[in-house]
PDB file of N, CA and C in Angstrom:
ATOM      1  N   MET A   1      19.277  31.984 -16.644  1.00  0.00           N
ATOM      2  CA  MET A   1      18.248  31.470 -16.217  1.00  0.00           C
ATOM      3  C   MET A   1      17.892  29.944 -15.710  1.00  0.00           C
ATOM      4  N   SER A   2      17.573  30.496 -14.467  1.00  0.00           N
ATOM      5  CA  SER A   2      17.730  28.944 -13.700  1.00  0.00           C
ATOM      6  C   SER A   2      16.204  28.735 -13.958  1.00  0.00           C
ATOM      7  N   GLN A   3      16.179  27.308 -13.860  1.00  0.00           N
ATOM      8  CA  GLN A   3      14.781  26.604 -13.398  1.00  0.00           C
ATOM      9  C   GLN A   3      14.645  26.423 -12.705  1.00  0.00           C
ATOM     10  N   GLU A   4      13.447  26.883 -11.676  1.00  0.00           N
ATOM     11  CA  GLU A   4      13.377  26.609 -10.437  1.00  0.00           C
ATOM     12  C   GLU A   4      12.425  25.564 -10.303  1.00  0.00           C
ATOM     13  N   SER A   5      12.196  24.175  -9.752  1.00  0.00           N
ATOM     14  CA  SER A   5      11.145  23.161  -9.341  1.00  0.00           C
ATOM     15  C   SER A   5       9.741  23.908  -8.328  1.00  0.00           C
ATOM     16  N   THR A   6       9.032  24.019  -9.640  1.00  0.00           N
ATOM     17  CA  THR A   6       7.248  23.761  -9.123  1.00  0.00           C
ATOM     18  C   THR A   6       5.891  22.625  -8.803  1.00  0.00           C
ATOM     19  N   ALA A   7       7.401  21.267  -8.776  1.00  0.00           N
ATOM     20  CA  ALA A   7       6.589  20.536  -7.668  1.00  0.00           C
ATOM     21  C   ALA A   7       6.601  20.355  -6.225  1.00  0.00           C
ATOM     22  N   GLN A   8       5.099  20.828  -6.118  1.00  0.00           N
ATOM     23  CA  GLN A   8       3.908  20.558  -5.064  1.00  0.00           C
ATOM     24  C   GLN A   8       4.643  19.551  -3.833  1.00  0.00           C
ATOM     25  N   PRO A   9       4.466  20.430  -3.210  1.00  0.00           N
ATOM     26  CA  PRO A   9       4.532  18.702  -2.000  1.00  0.00           C
ATOM     27  C   PRO A   9       2.649  17.473  -2.458  1.00  0.00           C
ATOM     28  N   VAL A  10       3.505  15.899  -2.055  1.00  0.00           N
ATOM     29  CA  VAL A  10       2.147  15.497  -1.716  1.00  0.00           C
ATOM     30  C   VAL A  10       2.209  14.943  -0.680  1.00  0.00           C
ATOM     31  N   THR A  11       1.415  14.742  -0.343  1.00  0.00           N
ATOM     32  CA  THR A  11       0.358  13.878   0.857  1.00  0.00           C
ATOM     33  C   THR A  11       0.013  12.432   0.333  1.00  0.00           C
ATOM     34  N   VAL A  12       0.462  11.526   1.697  1.00  0.00           N
ATOM     35  CA  VAL A  12       0.244   9.812   0.975  1.00  0.00           C
ATOM     36  C   VAL A  12       0.514   9.297   2.657  1.00  0.00           C
ATOM     37  N   VAL A  13      -1.194   8.874   2.409  1.00  0.00           N
ATOM     38  CA  VAL A  13      -1.860   7.705   4.016  1.00  0.00           C
ATOM     39  C   VAL A  13      -1.154   7.112   2.992  1.00  0.00           C
ATOM     40  N   ILE A  14      -0.158   6.150   4.606  1.00  0.00           N
ATOM     41  CA  ILE A  14      -0.028   5.101   5.043  1.00  0.00           C
ATOM     42  C   ILE A  14      -0.881   4.271   4.719  1.00  0.00           C
ATOM     43  N   ARG A  15      -1.099   3.165   4.926  1.00  0.00           N
ATOM     44  CA  ARG A  15      -2.287   2.044   5.440  1.00  0.00           C
ATOM     45  C   ARG A  15      -1.344   0.818   6.692  1.00  0.00           C
ATOM     46  N   GLU A  16      -2.024   0.672   7.676  1.00  0.00           N
ATOM     47  CA  GLU A  16      -1.639  -0.365   7.983  1.00  0.00           C
ATOM     48  C   GLU A  16      -1.367  -0.651   7.804  1.00  0.00           C
ATOM     49  N   LYS A  17      -0.230  -2.615   8.180  1.00  0.00           N
ATOM     50  CA  LYS A  17      -0.666  -3.667   7.349  1.00  0.00           C
ATOM     51  C   LYS A  17      -1.750  -4.397   7.312  1.00  0.00           C
ATOM     52  N   PRO A  18      -2.407  -5.202   6.806  1.00  0.00           N
ATOM     53  CA  PRO A  18      -3.855  -5.992   7.871  1.00  0.00           C
ATOM     54  C   PRO A  18      -2.633  -6.688   8.572  1.00  0.00           C
ATOM     55  N   THR A  19      -4.013  -7.313   9.428  1.00  0.00           N
ATOM     56  CA  THR A  19      -3.281  -8.193  10.821  1.00  0.00           C
ATOM     57  C   THR A  19      -4.492  -9.146  10.677  1.00  0.00           C
ATOM     58  N   PRO A  20      -3.732 -10.671  10.779  1.00  0.00           N
ATOM     59  CA  PRO A  20      -4.376 -11.618  10.770  1.00  0.00           C
ATOM     60  C   PRO A  20      -5.389 -12.317  12.183  1.00  0.00           C
ATOM     61  N   PRO A  21      -6.554 -13.049  11.396  1.00  0.00           N
ATOM     62  CA  PRO A  21      -6.859 -12.930  11.882  1.00  0.00           C
ATOM     63  C   PRO A  21      -7.118 -13.737  13.654  1.00  0.00           C
ATOM     64  N   ALA A  22      -7.633 -13.376  14.398  1.00  0.00           N
ATOM     65  CA  ALA A  22      -7.365 -14.214  15.882  1.00  0.00           C
ATOM     66  C   ALA A  22      -8.263 -16.605  15.584  1.00  0.00           C
ATOM     67  N   ASP A  23      -7.071 -16.195  16.285  1.00  0.00           N
ATOM     68  CA  ASP A  23      -7.307 -18.375  16.278  1.00  0.00           C
ATOM     69  C   ASP A  23      -9.202 -18.183  16.474  1.00  0.00           C
ATOM     70  N   TYR A  24      -9.595 -17.463  17.055  1.00  0.00           N
ATOM     71  CA  TYR A  24     -11.105 -17.898  17.022  1.00  0.00           C
ATOM     72  C   TYR A  24     -11.681 -17.153  16.474  1.00  0.00           C
ATOM     73  N   GLU A  25     -10.825 -15.991  15.575  1.00  0.00           N
ATOM     74  CA  GLU A  25     -11.815 -15.585  14.736  1.00  0.00           C
ATOM     75  C   GLU A  25     -12.454 -15.993  13.756  1.00  0.00           C
ATOM     76  N   CYS A  26     -11.931 -16.835  13.137  1.00  0.00           N
ATOM     77  CA  CYS A  26     -12.878 -18.561  11.646  1.00  0.00           C
ATOM     78  C   CYS A  26     -13.538 -19.152  13.027  1.00  0.00           C
ATOM     79  N   CYS A  27     -14.452 -19.724  12.748  1.00  0.00           N
ATOM     80  CA  CYS A  27     -15.835 -20.893  13.197  1.00  0.00           C
ATOM     81  C   CYS A  27     -15.339 -21.555  12.191  1.00  0.00           C
ATOM     82  N   GLU A  28     -13.935 -22.135  11.540  1.00  0.00           N
ATOM     83  CA  GLU A  28     -14.163 -23.214  10.533  1.00  0.00           C
ATOM     84  C   GLU A  28     -15.555 -24.355   9.817  1.00  0.00           C
ATOM     85  N   SER A  29     -16.157 -23.373   9.623  1.00  0.00           N
ATOM     86  CA  SER A  29     -17.417 -23.526   9.315  1.00  0.00           C
ATOM     87  C   SER A  29     -17.676 -23.185   7.592  1.00  0.00           C
ATOM     88  N   ALA A  30     -16.298 -22.830   6.681  1.00  0.00           N
ATOM     89  CA  ALA A  30     -16.619 -22.852   5.536  1.00  0.00           C
ATOM     90  C   ALA A  30     -17.745 -21.051   5.225  1.00  0.00           C
ATOM     91  N   CYS A  31     -16.998 -20.138   6.015  1.00  0.00           N
ATOM     92  CA  CYS A  31     -18.675 -19.387   5.485  1.00  0.00           C
ATOM     93  C   CYS A  31     -17.712 -18.774   4.547  1.00  0.00           C
ATOM     94  N   SER A  32     -18.486 -17.945   4.040  1.00  0.00           N
ATOM     95  CA  SER A  32     -18.530 -17.033   2.520  1.00  0.00           C
ATOM     96  C   SER A  32     -19.458 -16.091   3.314  1.00  0.00           C
ATOM     97  N   PRO A  33     -17.973 -15.258   3.157  1.00  0.00           N
ATOM     98  CA  PRO A  33     -16.647 -15.114   3.083  1.00  0.00           C
ATOM     99  C   PRO A  33     -15.774 -15.253   4.373  1.00  0.00           C
ATOM    100  N   CYS A  34     -14.724 -15.321   4.592  1.00  0.00           N
ATOM    101  CA  CYS A  34     -14.668 -16.421   5.409  1.00  0.00           C
ATOM    102  C   CYS A  34     -14.001 -15.267   6.026  1.00  0.00           C
ATOM    103  N   VAL A  35     -12.963 -15.374   7.297  1.00  0.00           N
ATOM    104  CA  VAL A  35     -12.263 -13.573   7.898  1.00  0.00           C
ATOM    105  C   VAL A  35     -10.720 -14.330   6.987  1.00  0.00           C
ATOM    106  N   TRP A  36     -10.359 -14.709   6.486  1.00  0.00           N
ATOM    107  CA  TRP A  36      -9.017 -15.285   6.216  1.00  0.00           C
ATOM    108  C   TRP A  36      -9.542 -15.487   5.066  1.00  0.00           C
ATOM    109  N   ASP A  37     -10.144 -15.138   4.101  1.00  0.00           N
ATOM    110  CA  ASP A  37     -10.272 -13.911   2.349  1.00  0.00           C
ATOM    111  C   ASP A  37     -10.031 -13.180   2.775  1.00  0.00           C
ATOM    112  N   THR A  38     -11.611 -12.738   3.899  1.00  0.00           N
ATOM    113  CA  THR A  38     -10.824 -11.127   4.184  1.00  0.00           C
ATOM    114  C   THR A  38      -9.470 -10.428   4.533  1.00  0.00           C
ATOM    115  N   TYR A  39      -8.972 -11.440   4.561  1.00  0.00           N
ATOM    116  CA  TYR A  39      -7.685 -10.539   5.637  1.00  0.00           C
ATOM    117  C   TYR A  39      -7.144 -10.852   3.897  1.00  0.00           C
ATOM    118  N   TYR A  40      -7.325 -12.081   3.060  1.00  0.00           N
ATOM    119  CA  TYR A  40      -5.949 -12.479   2.044  1.00  0.00           C
ATOM    120  C   TYR A  40      -6.301 -11.372   1.302  1.00  0.00           C
ATOM    121  N   GLU A  41      -7.025 -10.439   1.238  1.00  0.00           N
ATOM    122  CA  GLU A  41      -7.890  -9.442   0.194  1.00  0.00           C
ATOM    123  C   GLU A  41      -7.572  -8.192   0.645  1.00  0.00           C
ATOM    124  N   GLU A  42      -7.396  -7.400   2.071  1.00  0.00           N
ATOM    125  CA  GLU A  42      -6.819  -6.517   2.356  1.00  0.00           C
ATOM    126  C   GLU A  42      -5.089  -6.714   1.994  1.00  0.00           C
ATOM    127  N   LEU A  43      -4.748  -7.892   2.412  1.00  0.00           N
ATOM    128  CA  LEU A  43      -3.140  -7.980   2.434  1.00  0.00           C
ATOM    129  C   LEU A  43      -2.809  -7.706   1.227  1.00  0.00           C
ATOM    130  N   ASN A  44      -3.773  -8.479  -0.109  1.00  0.00           N
ATOM    131  CA  ASN A  44      -2.904  -8.172  -1.331  1.00  0.00           C
ATOM    132  C   ASN A  44      -3.501  -7.093  -1.622  1.00  0.00           C
ATOM    133  N   ILE A  45      -4.904  -5.924  -1.210  1.00  0.00           N
ATOM    134  CA  ILE A  45      -4.394  -4.589  -1.332  1.00  0.00           C
ATOM    135  C   ILE A  45      -2.885  -4.193  -1.253  1.00  0.00           C
ATOM    136  N   TRP A  46      -3.141  -4.423   0.341  1.00  0.00           N
ATOM    137  CA  TRP A  46      -1.865  -3.676   0.339  1.00  0.00           C
ATOM    138  C   TRP A  46      -0.355  -3.809   0.224  1.00  0.00           C
ATOM    139  N   ASN A  47      -0.591  -5.341  -0.405  1.00  0.00           N
ATOM    140  CA  ASN A  47       0.905  -5.056  -0.818  1.00  0.00           C
ATOM    141  C   ASN A  47       0.931  -4.534  -2.277  1.00  0.00           C
ATOM    142  N   ALA A  48      -0.103  -4.313  -3.145  1.00  0.00           N
ATOM    143  CA  ALA A  48      -0.351  -3.784  -4.254  1.00  0.00           C
ATOM    144  C   ALA A  48      -0.219  -2.305  -4.320  1.00  0.00           C
ATOM    145  N   GLU A  49      -0.374  -1.458  -2.860  1.00  0.00           N
ATOM    146  CA  GLU A  49      -0.303   0.280  -2.802  1.00  0.00           C
ATOM    147  C   GLU A  49       1.662   0.197  -2.339  1.00  0.00           C
ATOM    148  N   GLN A  50       1.904  -1.343  -1.610  1.00  0.00           N
ATOM    149  CA  GLN A  50       3.181  -0.637  -0.800  1.00  0.00           C
ATOM    150  C   GLN A  50       4.254  -0.727  -2.352  1.00  0.00           C
ATOM    151  N   LYS A  51       3.304  -1.703  -3.618  1.00  0.00           N
ATOM    152  CA  LYS A  51       4.533  -1.467  -4.033  1.00  0.00           C
ATOM    153  C   LYS A  51       4.676   0.071  -5.680  1.00  0.00           C
ATOM    154  N   ALA A  52       3.121  -0.356  -4.926  1.00  0.00           N
ATOM    155  CA  ALA A  52       3.016   0.974  -6.308  1.00  0.00           C
ATOM    156  C   ALA A  52       3.674   2.796  -5.067  1.00  0.00           C
ATOM    157  N   LEU A  53       4.323   2.594  -4.186  1.00  0.00           N
ATOM    158  CA  LEU A  53       4.250   3.769  -2.894  1.00  0.00           C
ATOM    159  C   LEU A  53       6.398   3.703  -3.373  1.00  0.00           C
ATOM    160  N   LYS A  54       6.667   2.345  -3.599  1.00  0.00           N
ATOM    161  CA  LYS A  54       7.947   2.655  -3.577  1.00  0.00           C
ATOM    162  C   LYS A  54       8.520   2.666  -5.457  1.00  0.00           C
ATOM    163  N   GLU A  55       7.242   2.069  -6.323  1.00  0.00           N
ATOM    164  CA  GLU A  55       8.031   2.326  -7.798  1.00  0.00           C
ATOM    165  C   GLU A  55       7.120   3.999  -8.249  1.00  0.00           C
ATOM    166  N   ALA A  56       6.191   5.287  -6.626  1.00  0.00           N
ATOM    167  CA  ALA A  56       6.252   6.777  -6.846  1.00  0.00           C
ATOM    168  C   ALA A  56       7.570   6.945  -5.859  1.00  0.00           C
ATOM    169  N   VAL A  57       8.502   6.537  -5.408  1.00  0.00           N
ATOM    170  CA  VAL A  57       8.848   7.070  -4.934  1.00  0.00           C
ATOM    171  C   VAL A  57      10.796   7.265  -5.985  1.00  0.00           C
ATOM    172  N   LYS A  58      10.827   5.723  -6.165  1.00  0.00           N
ATOM    173  CA  LYS A  58      11.740   5.400  -7.721  1.00  0.00           C
ATOM    174  C   LYS A  58      11.763   6.291  -8.425  1.00  0.00           C
ATOM    175  N   MET A  59      10.433   5.996  -8.814  1.00  0.00           N
ATOM    176  CA  MET A  59      10.634   7.955 -10.208  1.00  0.00           C
ATOM    177  C   MET A  59      10.704   9.003  -9.776  1.00  0.00           C
ATOM    178  N   ALA A  60       9.926   9.234  -8.877  1.00  0.00           N
ATOM    179  CA  ALA A  60      10.149  10.782  -7.922  1.00  0.00           C
ATOM    180  C   ALA A  60      11.529  11.344  -7.987  1.00  0.00           C
ATOM    181  N   THR A  61      12.742  10.282  -7.322  1.00  0.00           N
ATOM    182  CA  THR A  61      13.680  10.022  -7.373  1.00  0.00           C
ATOM    183  C   THR A  61      14.586  10.641  -8.966  1.00  0.00           C
ATOM    184  N   GLU A  62      14.294   9.359  -9.160  1.00  0.00           N
ATOM    185  CA  GLU A  62      15.505   9.468 -11.060  1.00  0.00           C
ATOM    186  C   GLU A  62      14.567  10.993 -11.791  1.00  0.00           C
ATOM    187  N   THR A  63      13.988  11.240 -11.493  1.00  0.00           N
ATOM    188  CA  THR A  63      13.592  12.673 -11.854  1.00  0.00           C
ATOM    189  C   THR A  63      14.501  13.940 -11.488  1.00  0.00           C
ATOM    190  N   GLU A  64      13.556  13.443  -9.817  1.00  0.00           N
ATOM    191  CA  GLU A  64      14.960  14.939  -8.457  1.00  0.00           C
ATOM    192  C   GLU A  64      16.728  14.765  -9.638  1.00  0.00           C
ATOM    193  N   GLN A  65      16.846  13.491  -9.703  1.00  0.00           N
ATOM    194  CA  GLN A  65      18.737  13.213  -9.876  1.00  0.00           C
ATOM    195  C   GLN A  65      18.746  13.689 -11.540  1.00  0.00           C
ATOM    196  N   SER A  66      17.749  13.936 -12.600  1.00  0.00           N
ATOM    197  CA  SER A  66      17.887  13.709 -13.310  1.00  0.00           C
ATOM    198  C   SER A  66      18.347  15.488 -14.055  1.00  0.00           C
ATOM    199  N   GLU A  67      17.025  16.528 -13.230  1.00  0.00           N
ATOM    200  CA  GLU A  67      17.396  17.673 -13.127  1.00  0.00           C
ATOM    201  C   GLU A  67      18.577  17.815 -12.834  1.00  0.00           C
TER     202      GLU A  67
END
């Protein structure tokens, strides 16, 4: 008896990497939050998403190969 894979396709939404603020967007008045603070926060989130996506692909590939 053969085992058929019951895995369903997964849709992944990949966000674009955040774009750094242009020179004119920062007024250098120590605003809180500064456009740079917001950019680095978004960049950290994006980097974490990329890492998680790579790990998920790695796990899926390893699972697929072990079957």
